[in-house]
Amino acid sequence: MCREKRQARSSALSESRFRRYYPASWFSGLGSWMLRFILGWSAWDLTASALWVGVVGALMLAPALILSPYFGVQSDRTNPRHALIASMLIHGVIGVVGAATTFLGLFNTMTLLLLALALGSVSAMHSPMRLALVPLLVPRTALPSAVGLTAMSFNIARIVGPAICAVIIAELGVGWAWASAVIIFTVAGSILTSLRGVGTREIRPRKSINREFIEGIHYVRSNAAILLILSSTVINGLLGRSLIELLPAVSGRLLIGGPTELAWLTAAAGVGAVMGGLLMSRQRAQVDWLYTLTLIALISAVTLLATLAWLDSLALLAGMIGCLSFVTTVAGTGCQTLTQLVVDERYHGRVMSLWSMTMMASPAFGAATNGAVAEWFGFVPAFSMASALGLLAVGGLYLRRRVIAEPEAIETTSDSR
């Protein structure tokens, strides 16, 4: 019997190191979603263009293509907690610049693009470091729980952050929303700074960054299970996640809505994501079942995209967005957990940086592409086409599913601590 089938479910919250870290993940997720909401709303408010909203969404995600591999190598070398502290500082600076330019009347399209690019760049550092830190806090059997809990906290922030920003923007203005995000990141950074003995690792001989990265690429190319997981991550990003990235334009174009409607749709996406994270936090470290669950989630996302033509009210659209967010969170969290479980510990940071790059870049490309198609033909034709192509892609994944259970994909996996 495969080793994973004998794994007992273990809660990450039973580990003291994870409990000490977990509040920081709540605050950093809250601040991140606040910045994303502010930038998305500002893009629509300044341009009233789905294409521009897609471009801003792409800028918040696409830098991962260039920067994540570098930070992946570094996450195998250093204490990722230190990099997360630096990430909180940079996020805070973005908020300060946004607040200052808004209060001074200097916020314009160029400022919007630069801040979106800056957020995308620091996210390229934050994500691989966070992915590298979590397995250092829990044993292998608690990895599904840890991944699910961190996904749940991040996506609860998807509800609370936009709701806070919508109220602040409506009552006080965008400048104060920026300032509030700065406070949130200050709290997260303070928690991370106060931790001791978290994220330390054995010091290893170092090669050049390029050589270590190339070694990681060769490892991924020779591992059929990881290649299939990365392909699943790409399809998940191009399908449901790209629509969620376009929520400001969806709200403005389909509902003729303002910040309140956008906040409701974003909150619905947050609720769905929380439920998806909660479901995944209850799973065991059993790779064949996790991938089956991922495929079920992907086919559900394809089906939901095809219903966009019949959604003509805020309640219906919010319900669909919530369901879509639920299944894309299940698929995304499933892919992340699977990657953590099958990867050789020696290549952990580099492989997880590639997964992070794929996870962030595919919705960016999908948002820009689908945003452009929606600008010319409308959202319904754009995502009807995406649904049809997605059906074919998921069929291809299903035909390749058995490589996930191959013994050699599991043999090299060591304890995640």
Foldseek 3Di string as FASTA:
>chain_A
DDPQVPQDADALCVFPLCVLQVVLLLLVLLLLLLVLLLLLQVQCVAPVALLSLLLLLLLLFQCLVPQLLLLLLVLLADQLLVLLLVLLVLSLVLLVVVLVCVVVVNDHPVNSSVSSNSNNNSVSNNQLSVLSQQLQRDKLFQLLLSLLSSLLSSLQSLQVNLVVQLVCCVPPRSSVSSVVSSVSSVVSSVSSVPDPPGRDDDHDDDDDSVVLLVVLVVVCVVQPQLVLLLLLLLLLLLFLVLVVSSLSSCCCPQVVDHSVLSSLLSNLLSLLSNLLSVVSSRDTSRQLVLVVLLLVLLLVRLVLLLCVVVDRDSVSSSNSSNNNSNSSNSNLSSSSSLLLQQDQLSSNSSSSSVSSSSNRNSSSVSNNVLSVVCSVPNNNVSSNVSSVVSVVSSVVSVVVSVSSVDVNSRVNHDISD
